[in-house]
Amino acid sequence: MNPRVVHVLARDHYKLEIQFTNQEIRIYDCSSLLDFGVFQELRDEAYFRKAKAFNGTVTWPNEQDICPDTLYLDSIPVPIAAQPLSA
């Protein structure tokens, strides 16, 4: 089983910065989803920024969600040097 989402930040250009249960931080690009069904609502940047981590994945207020396996397997790791230092 792939790691699950514990924290998410919506970034510019429809990208999500996601921290997973294995402590990895990865970037997932949502732009390829924006032309499909329920995901069209994510085109509204203010709405896109309402992304939340819930039950191991990323969700939005109108119940859009993305499979956590997709988020992990199709995302790009953030190099450790670029990650914020913990306090």
PDB file of N, CA and C in Angstrom:
ATOM      1  N   MET A   1       0.846  -1.180   0.000  1.00  0.00           N
ATOM      2  CA  MET A   1       0.000   0.000   0.000  1.00  0.00           C
ATOM      3  C   MET A   1       0.892   1.245   0.000  1.00  0.00           C
ATOM      4  N   ASN A   2       0.517   2.208  -0.803  1.00  0.00           N
ATOM      5  CA  ASN A   2       1.252   3.467  -0.871  1.00  0.00           C
ATOM      6  C   ASN A   2       0.911   4.344   0.333  1.00  0.00           C
ATOM      7  N   PRO A   3       1.788   5.291   0.651  1.00  0.00           N
ATOM      8  CA  PRO A   3       1.518   6.214   1.759  1.00  0.00           C
ATOM      9  C   PRO A   3       0.238   7.020   1.525  1.00  0.00           C
ATOM     10  N   ARG A   4      -0.324   7.522   2.595  1.00  0.00           N
ATOM     11  CA  ARG A   4      -1.539   8.337   2.541  1.00  0.00           C
ATOM     12  C   ARG A   4      -1.202   9.786   2.873  1.00  0.00           C
ATOM     13  N   VAL A   5      -2.121  10.666   2.525  1.00  0.00           N
ATOM     14  CA  VAL A   5      -1.944  12.107   2.707  1.00  0.00           C
ATOM     15  C   VAL A   5      -2.175  12.483   4.169  1.00  0.00           C
ATOM     16  N   VAL A   6      -1.262  13.299   4.710  1.00  0.00           N
ATOM     17  CA  VAL A   6      -1.471  13.837   6.056  1.00  0.00           C
ATOM     18  C   VAL A   6      -1.619  15.357   6.042  1.00  0.00           C
ATOM     19  N   HIS A   7      -1.092  16.018   5.004  1.00  0.00           N
ATOM     20  CA  HIS A   7      -1.174  17.476   4.926  1.00  0.00           C
ATOM     21  C   HIS A   7      -1.109  17.886   3.461  1.00  0.00           C
ATOM     22  N   VAL A   8      -1.844  18.942   3.115  1.00  0.00           N
ATOM     23  CA  VAL A   8      -1.818  19.436   1.734  1.00  0.00           C
ATOM     24  C   VAL A   8      -1.862  20.957   1.725  1.00  0.00           C
ATOM     25  N   LEU A   9      -1.140  21.549   0.786  1.00  0.00           N
ATOM     26  CA  LEU A   9      -1.195  22.983   0.504  1.00  0.00           C
ATOM     27  C   LEU A   9      -1.443  23.155  -0.984  1.00  0.00           C
ATOM     28  N   ALA A  10      -2.467  23.935  -1.328  1.00  0.00           N
ATOM     29  CA  ALA A  10      -2.715  24.253  -2.732  1.00  0.00           C
ATOM     30  C   ALA A  10      -1.753  25.355  -3.146  1.00  0.00           C
ATOM     31  N   ARG A  11      -1.073  25.145  -4.244  1.00  0.00           N
ATOM     32  CA  ARG A  11      -0.086  26.092  -4.762  1.00  0.00           C
ATOM     33  C   ARG A  11      -0.569  26.676  -6.083  1.00  0.00           C
ATOM     34  N   ASP A  12       0.191  27.611  -6.625  1.00  0.00           N
ATOM     35  CA  ASP A  12      -0.140  28.209  -7.920  1.00  0.00           C
ATOM     36  C   ASP A  12      -0.115  27.153  -9.021  1.00  0.00           C
ATOM     37  N   HIS A  13      -0.788  27.484 -10.120  1.00  0.00           N
ATOM     38  CA  HIS A  13      -0.793  26.654 -11.331  1.00  0.00           C
ATOM     39  C   HIS A  13      -1.383  25.265 -11.080  1.00  0.00           C
ATOM     40  N   TYR A  14      -2.372  25.190 -10.194  1.00  0.00           N
ATOM     41  CA  TYR A  14      -3.111  23.951  -9.910  1.00  0.00           C
ATOM     42  C   TYR A  14      -2.222  22.814  -9.421  1.00  0.00           C
ATOM     43  N   LYS A  15      -1.253  23.161  -8.620  1.00  0.00           N
ATOM     44  CA  LYS A  15      -0.372  22.154  -8.033  1.00  0.00           C
ATOM     45  C   LYS A  15      -0.677  22.013  -6.539  1.00  0.00           C
ATOM     46  N   LEU A  16      -0.541  20.790  -6.062  1.00  0.00           N
ATOM     47  CA  LEU A  16      -0.713  20.494  -4.647  1.00  0.00           C
ATOM     48  C   LEU A  16       0.624  20.074  -4.058  1.00  0.00           C
ATOM     49  N   GLU A  17       0.981  20.655  -2.930  1.00  0.00           N
ATOM     50  CA  GLU A  17       2.150  20.218  -2.174  1.00  0.00           C
ATOM     51  C   GLU A  17       1.621  19.311  -1.069  1.00  0.00           C
ATOM     52  N   ILE A  18       2.023  18.061  -1.105  1.00  0.00           N
ATOM     53  CA  ILE A  18       1.426  17.045  -0.241  1.00  0.00           C
ATOM     54  C   ILE A  18       2.486  16.387   0.638  1.00  0.00           C
ATOM     55  N   GLN A  19       2.175  16.278   1.926  1.00  0.00           N
ATOM     56  CA  GLN A  19       3.010  15.479   2.820  1.00  0.00           C
ATOM     57  C   GLN A  19       2.292  14.157   3.052  1.00  0.00           C
ATOM     58  N   PHE A  20       3.036  13.070   2.914  1.00  0.00           N
ATOM     59  CA  PHE A  20       2.480  11.729   3.055  1.00  0.00           C
ATOM     60  C   PHE A  20       2.880  11.109   4.394  1.00  0.00           C
ATOM     61  N   THR A  21       2.248   9.992   4.722  1.00  0.00           N
ATOM     62  CA  THR A  21       2.501   9.320   5.998  1.00  0.00           C
ATOM     63  C   THR A  21       3.939   8.838   6.148  1.00  0.00           C
ATOM     64  N   ASN A  22       4.671   8.697   5.060  1.00  0.00           N
ATOM     65  CA  ASN A  22       6.083   8.300   5.134  1.00  0.00           C
ATOM     66  C   ASN A  22       7.004   9.515   5.254  1.00  0.00           C
ATOM     67  N   GLN A  23       6.423  10.694   5.495  1.00  0.00           N
ATOM     68  CA  GLN A  23       7.114  11.979   5.664  1.00  0.00           C
ATOM     69  C   GLN A  23       7.614  12.596   4.360  1.00  0.00           C
ATOM     70  N   GLU A  24       7.406  11.930   3.225  1.00  0.00           N
ATOM     71  CA  GLU A  24       7.791  12.526   1.947  1.00  0.00           C
ATOM     72  C   GLU A  24       6.903  13.720   1.643  1.00  0.00           C
ATOM     73  N   ILE A  25       7.483  14.719   1.004  1.00  0.00           N
ATOM     74  CA  ILE A  25       6.725  15.847   0.473  1.00  0.00           C
ATOM     75  C   ILE A  25       6.843  15.764  -1.038  1.00  0.00           C
ATOM     76  N   ARG A  26       5.683  15.808  -1.697  1.00  0.00           N
ATOM     77  CA  ARG A  26       5.650  15.636  -3.147  1.00  0.00           C
ATOM     78  C   ARG A  26       4.712  16.673  -3.752  1.00  0.00           C
ATOM     79  N   ILE A  27       4.900  16.955  -5.049  1.00  0.00           N
ATOM     80  CA  ILE A  27       4.058  17.903  -5.780  1.00  0.00           C
ATOM     81  C   ILE A  27       3.222  17.135  -6.799  1.00  0.00           C
ATOM     82  N   TYR A  28       1.905  17.349  -6.738  1.00  0.00           N
ATOM     83  CA  TYR A  28       0.983  16.744  -7.699  1.00  0.00           C
ATOM     84  C   TYR A  28       0.363  17.862  -8.531  1.00  0.00           C
ATOM     85  N   ASP A  29       0.403  17.720  -9.843  1.00  0.00           N
ATOM     86  CA  ASP A  29      -0.147  18.704 -10.776  1.00  0.00           C
ATOM     87  C   ASP A  29      -1.563  18.287 -11.160  1.00  0.00           C
ATOM     88  N   CYS A  30      -2.555  19.079 -10.766  1.00  0.00           N
ATOM     89  CA  CYS A  30      -3.961  18.772 -11.038  1.00  0.00           C
ATOM     90  C   CYS A  30      -4.441  19.272 -12.398  1.00  0.00           C
ATOM     91  N   SER A  31      -3.612  19.986 -13.138  1.00  0.00           N
ATOM     92  CA  SER A  31      -4.078  20.640 -14.366  1.00  0.00           C
ATOM     93  C   SER A  31      -4.656  19.660 -15.384  1.00  0.00           C
ATOM     94  N   SER A  32      -4.188  18.430 -15.407  1.00  0.00           N
ATOM     95  CA  SER A  32      -4.716  17.458 -16.375  1.00  0.00           C
ATOM     96  C   SER A  32      -6.133  16.999 -16.029  1.00  0.00           C
ATOM     97  N   LEU A  33      -6.608  17.277 -14.837  1.00  0.00           N
ATOM     98  CA  LEU A  33      -7.949  16.865 -14.408  1.00  0.00           C
ATOM     99  C   LEU A  33      -9.021  17.908 -14.695  1.00  0.00           C
ATOM    100  N   LEU A  34      -8.628  19.133 -14.975  1.00  0.00           N
ATOM    101  CA  LEU A  34      -9.553  20.265 -14.971  1.00  0.00           C
ATOM    102  C   LEU A  34     -10.613  20.239 -16.063  1.00  0.00           C
ATOM    103  N   ASP A  35     -10.467  19.401 -17.063  1.00  0.00           N
ATOM    104  CA  ASP A  35     -11.456  19.314 -18.140  1.00  0.00           C
ATOM    105  C   ASP A  35     -12.464  18.188 -17.923  1.00  0.00           C
ATOM    106  N   PHE A  36     -12.370  17.493 -16.813  1.00  0.00           N
ATOM    107  CA  PHE A  36     -13.194  16.314 -16.596  1.00  0.00           C
ATOM    108  C   PHE A  36     -14.233  16.513 -15.499  1.00  0.00           C
ATOM    109  N   GLY A  37     -15.508  16.328 -15.871  1.00  0.00           N
ATOM    110  CA  GLY A  37     -16.629  16.249 -14.945  1.00  0.00           C
ATOM    111  C   GLY A  37     -16.533  17.111 -13.706  1.00  0.00           C
ATOM    112  N   VAL A  38     -16.569  16.460 -12.554  1.00  0.00           N
ATOM    113  CA  VAL A  38     -16.611  17.174 -11.278  1.00  0.00           C
ATOM    114  C   VAL A  38     -15.365  18.000 -11.016  1.00  0.00           C
ATOM    115  N   PHE A  39     -14.269  17.679 -11.682  1.00  0.00           N
ATOM    116  CA  PHE A  39     -13.024  18.419 -11.451  1.00  0.00           C
ATOM    117  C   PHE A  39     -13.007  19.785 -12.138  1.00  0.00           C
ATOM    118  N   GLN A  40     -13.954  20.057 -13.036  1.00  0.00           N
ATOM    119  CA  GLN A  40     -13.999  21.363 -13.703  1.00  0.00           C
ATOM    120  C   GLN A  40     -14.145  22.499 -12.698  1.00  0.00           C
ATOM    121  N   GLU A  41     -14.802  22.243 -11.591  1.00  0.00           N
ATOM    122  CA  GLU A  41     -14.977  23.264 -10.552  1.00  0.00           C
ATOM    123  C   GLU A  41     -13.632  23.718  -9.967  1.00  0.00           C
ATOM    124  N   LEU A  42     -12.619  22.863 -10.062  1.00  0.00           N
ATOM    125  CA  LEU A  42     -11.298  23.209  -9.530  1.00  0.00           C
ATOM    126  C   LEU A  42     -10.609  24.297 -10.345  1.00  0.00           C
ATOM    127  N   ARG A  43     -11.129  24.621 -11.517  1.00  0.00           N
ATOM    128  CA  ARG A  43     -10.563  25.716 -12.324  1.00  0.00           C
ATOM    129  C   ARG A  43     -10.630  27.046 -11.583  1.00  0.00           C
ATOM    130  N   ASP A  44     -11.626  27.193 -10.728  1.00  0.00           N
ATOM    131  CA  ASP A  44     -11.752  28.398  -9.903  1.00  0.00           C
ATOM    132  C   ASP A  44     -10.641  28.337  -8.853  1.00  0.00           C
ATOM    133  N   GLU A  45      -9.651  29.208  -8.996  1.00  0.00           N
ATOM    134  CA  GLU A  45      -8.472  29.133  -8.125  1.00  0.00           C
ATOM    135  C   GLU A  45      -8.816  29.292  -6.645  1.00  0.00           C
ATOM    136  N   ALA A  46      -9.803  30.133  -6.336  1.00  0.00           N
ATOM    137  CA  ALA A  46     -10.203  30.296  -4.932  1.00  0.00           C
ATOM    138  C   ALA A  46     -10.763  28.979  -4.388  1.00  0.00           C
ATOM    139  N   TYR A  47     -11.542  28.295  -5.209  1.00  0.00           N
ATOM    140  CA  TYR A  47     -12.084  26.998  -4.798  1.00  0.00           C
ATOM    141  C   TYR A  47     -10.968  25.951  -4.709  1.00  0.00           C
ATOM    142  N   PHE A  48     -10.071  25.943  -5.686  1.00  0.00           N
ATOM    143  CA  PHE A  48      -8.951  24.994  -5.685  1.00  0.00           C
ATOM    144  C   PHE A  48      -8.160  25.094  -4.381  1.00  0.00           C
ATOM    145  N   ARG A  49      -7.990  26.314  -3.888  1.00  0.00           N
ATOM    146  CA  ARG A  49      -7.201  26.540  -2.669  1.00  0.00           C
ATOM    147  C   ARG A  49      -7.891  26.034  -1.398  1.00  0.00           C
ATOM    148  N   LYS A  50      -9.115  25.560  -1.518  1.00  0.00           N
ATOM    149  CA  LYS A  50      -9.829  24.991  -0.368  1.00  0.00           C
ATOM    150  C   LYS A  50      -9.515  23.509  -0.163  1.00  0.00           C
ATOM    151  N   ALA A  51      -8.521  22.998  -0.858  1.00  0.00           N
ATOM    152  CA  ALA A  51      -8.123  21.593  -0.710  1.00  0.00           C
ATOM    153  C   ALA A  51      -7.769  21.296   0.745  1.00  0.00           C
ATOM    154  N   LYS A  52      -8.199  20.131   1.214  1.00  0.00           N
ATOM    155  CA  LYS A  52      -7.928  19.688   2.590  1.00  0.00           C
ATOM    156  C   LYS A  52      -7.492  18.225   2.568  1.00  0.00           C
ATOM    157  N   ALA A  53      -6.678  17.857   3.536  1.00  0.00           N
ATOM    158  CA  ALA A  53      -6.358  16.447   3.756  1.00  0.00           C
ATOM    159  C   ALA A  53      -7.476  15.850   4.607  1.00  0.00           C
ATOM    160  N   PHE A  54      -8.031  14.732   4.152  1.00  0.00           N
ATOM    161  CA  PHE A  54      -9.128  14.083   4.874  1.00  0.00           C
ATOM    162  C   PHE A  54      -9.118  12.591   4.553  1.00  0.00           C
ATOM    163  N   ASN A  55      -9.132  11.774   5.573  1.00  0.00           N
ATOM    164  CA  ASN A  55      -9.152  10.317   5.409  1.00  0.00           C
ATOM    165  C   ASN A  55      -8.065   9.798   4.471  1.00  0.00           C
ATOM    166  N   GLY A  56      -6.882  10.384   4.543  1.00  0.00           N
ATOM    167  CA  GLY A  56      -5.751   9.883   3.782  1.00  0.00           C
ATOM    168  C   GLY A  56      -5.651  10.339   2.352  1.00  0.00           C
ATOM    169  N   THR A  57      -6.511  11.279   1.956  1.00  0.00           N
ATOM    170  CA  THR A  57      -6.450  11.788   0.590  1.00  0.00           C
ATOM    171  C   THR A  57      -6.687  13.292   0.597  1.00  0.00           C
ATOM    172  N   VAL A  58      -6.846  13.872  -0.595  1.00  0.00           N
ATOM    173  CA  VAL A  58      -7.138  15.298  -0.736  1.00  0.00           C
ATOM    174  C   VAL A  58      -8.582  15.433  -1.189  1.00  0.00           C
ATOM    175  N   THR A  59      -9.318  16.330  -0.522  1.00  0.00           N
ATOM    176  CA  THR A  59     -10.715  16.569  -0.872  1.00  0.00           C
ATOM    177  C   THR A  59     -10.985  18.067  -0.957  1.00  0.00           C
ATOM    178  N   TRP A  60     -12.130  18.395  -1.575  1.00  0.00           N
ATOM    179  CA  TRP A  60     -12.619  19.770  -1.661  1.00  0.00           C
ATOM    180  C   TRP A  60     -14.043  19.802  -1.122  1.00  0.00           C
ATOM    181  N   PRO A  61     -14.586  20.998  -0.842  1.00  0.00           N
ATOM    182  CA  PRO A  61     -15.897  21.112  -0.190  1.00  0.00           C
ATOM    183  C   PRO A  61     -17.053  20.405  -0.904  1.00  0.00           C
ATOM    184  N   ASN A  62     -17.031  20.347  -2.225  1.00  0.00           N
ATOM    185  CA  ASN A  62     -18.131  19.703  -2.948  1.00  0.00           C
ATOM    186  C   ASN A  62     -17.835  18.237  -3.253  1.00  0.00           C
ATOM    187  N   GLU A  63     -17.003  17.637  -2.419  1.00  0.00           N
ATOM    188  CA  GLU A  63     -16.725  16.206  -2.398  1.00  0.00           C
ATOM    189  C   GLU A  63     -15.857  15.686  -3.541  1.00  0.00           C
ATOM    190  N   GLN A  64     -15.176  16.572  -4.267  1.00  0.00           N
ATOM    191  CA  GLN A  64     -14.184  16.074  -5.201  1.00  0.00           C
ATOM    192  C   GLN A  64     -13.049  15.479  -4.375  1.00  0.00           C
ATOM    193  N   ASP A  65     -12.485  14.404  -4.853  1.00  0.00           N
ATOM    194  CA  ASP A  65     -11.297  13.844  -4.217  1.00  0.00           C
ATOM    195  C   ASP A  65     -10.466  13.124  -5.271  1.00  0.00           C
ATOM    196  N   ILE A  66      -9.230  12.845  -4.919  1.00  0.00           N
ATOM    197  CA  ILE A  66      -8.312  12.166  -5.824  1.00  0.00           C
ATOM    198  C   ILE A  66      -7.764  10.961  -5.077  1.00  0.00           C
ATOM    199  N   CYS A  67      -7.731   9.832  -5.738  1.00  0.00           N
ATOM    200  CA  CYS A  67      -7.227   8.597  -5.144  1.00  0.00           C
ATOM    201  C   CYS A  67      -5.836   8.833  -4.557  1.00  0.00           C
ATOM    202  N   PRO A  68      -5.614   8.454  -3.301  1.00  0.00           N
ATOM    203  CA  PRO A  68      -4.302   8.682  -2.697  1.00  0.00           C
ATOM    204  C   PRO A  68      -3.171   7.957  -3.424  1.00  0.00           C
ATOM    205  N   ASP A  69      -3.455   6.811  -4.032  1.00  0.00           N
ATOM    206  CA  ASP A  69      -2.427   6.117  -4.812  1.00  0.00           C
ATOM    207  C   ASP A  69      -2.018   6.954  -6.017  1.00  0.00           C
ATOM    208  N   THR A  70      -2.996   7.564  -6.686  1.00  0.00           N
ATOM    209  CA  THR A  70      -2.705   8.447  -7.818  1.00  0.00           C
ATOM    210  C   THR A  70      -1.873   9.634  -7.356  1.00  0.00           C
ATOM    211  N   LEU A  71      -2.261  10.232  -6.242  1.00  0.00           N
ATOM    212  CA  LEU A  71      -1.516  11.383  -5.723  1.00  0.00           C
ATOM    213  C   LEU A  71      -0.060  11.032  -5.462  1.00  0.00           C
ATOM    214  N   TYR A  72       0.181   9.849  -4.948  1.00  0.00           N
ATOM    215  CA  TYR A  72       1.554   9.454  -4.635  1.00  0.00           C
ATOM    216  C   TYR A  72       2.323   9.042  -5.893  1.00  0.00           C
ATOM    217  N   LEU A  73       1.743   8.166  -6.679  1.00  0.00           N
ATOM    218  CA  LEU A  73       2.461   7.607  -7.829  1.00  0.00           C
ATOM    219  C   LEU A  73       2.678   8.611  -8.953  1.00  0.00           C
ATOM    220  N   ASP A  74       1.772   9.576  -9.096  1.00  0.00           N
ATOM    221  CA  ASP A  74       1.875  10.554 -10.186  1.00  0.00           C
ATOM    222  C   ASP A  74       2.435  11.898  -9.733  1.00  0.00           C
ATOM    223  N   SER A  75       2.995  11.952  -8.553  1.00  0.00           N
ATOM    224  CA  SER A  75       3.563  13.204  -8.048  1.00  0.00           C
ATOM    225  C   SER A  75       5.084  13.165  -8.138  1.00  0.00           C
ATOM    226  N   ILE A  76       5.667  14.331  -7.948  1.00  0.00           N
ATOM    227  CA  ILE A  76       7.117  14.493  -8.048  1.00  0.00           C
ATOM    228  C   ILE A  76       7.668  14.790  -6.654  1.00  0.00           C
ATOM    229  N   PRO A  77       8.683  14.049  -6.221  1.00  0.00           N
ATOM    230  CA  PRO A  77       9.262  14.319  -4.894  1.00  0.00           C
ATOM    231  C   PRO A  77       9.920  15.692  -4.831  1.00  0.00           C
ATOM    232  N   VAL A  78       9.752  16.357  -3.702  1.00  0.00           N
ATOM    233  CA  VAL A  78      10.457  17.615  -3.446  1.00  0.00           C
ATOM    234  C   VAL A  78      11.808  17.234  -2.855  1.00  0.00           C
ATOM    235  N   PRO A  79      12.908  17.701  -3.452  1.00  0.00           N
ATOM    236  CA  PRO A  79      14.227  17.367  -2.895  1.00  0.00           C
ATOM    237  C   PRO A  79      14.332  17.806  -1.435  1.00  0.00           C
ATOM    238  N   ILE A  80      14.994  17.017  -0.626  1.00  0.00           N
ATOM    239  CA  ILE A  80      15.125  17.311   0.808  1.00  0.00           C
ATOM    240  C   ILE A  80      15.695  18.703   1.040  1.00  0.00           C
ATOM    241  N   ALA A  81      16.644  19.128   0.228  1.00  0.00           N
ATOM    242  CA  ALA A  81      17.257  20.455   0.392  1.00  0.00           C
ATOM    243  C   ALA A  81      16.243  21.577   0.206  1.00  0.00           C
ATOM    244  N   ALA A  82      15.159  21.321  -0.551  1.00  0.00           N
ATOM    245  CA  ALA A  82      14.148  22.345  -0.808  1.00  0.00           C
ATOM    246  C   ALA A  82      13.022  22.325   0.220  1.00  0.00           C
ATOM    247  N   GLN A  83      12.998  21.335   1.094  1.00  0.00           N
ATOM    248  CA  GLN A  83      11.941  21.228   2.088  1.00  0.00           C
ATOM    249  C   GLN A  83      12.234  22.147   3.262  1.00  0.00           C
ATOM    250  N   PRO A  84      11.173  22.690   3.879  1.00  0.00           N
ATOM    251  CA  PRO A  84      11.383  23.565   5.037  1.00  0.00           C
ATOM    252  C   PRO A  84      11.988  22.795   6.205  1.00  0.00           C
ATOM    253  N   LEU A  85      12.802  23.468   6.980  1.00  0.00           N
ATOM    254  CA  LEU A  85      13.392  22.852   8.165  1.00  0.00           C
ATOM    255  C   LEU A  85      12.370  22.836   9.284  1.00  0.00           C
ATOM    256  N   SER A  86      12.289  21.736  10.015  1.00  0.00           N
ATOM    257  CA  SER A  86      11.364  21.681  11.146  1.00  0.00           C
ATOM    258  C   SER A  86      11.982  22.406  12.331  1.00  0.00           C
ATOM    259  N   ALA A  87      11.119  22.941  13.177  1.00  0.00           N
ATOM    260  CA  ALA A  87      11.592  23.713  14.339  1.00  0.00           C
ATOM    261  C   ALA A  87      12.075  22.821  15.441  1.00  0.00           C
TER     262      ALA A  87
END
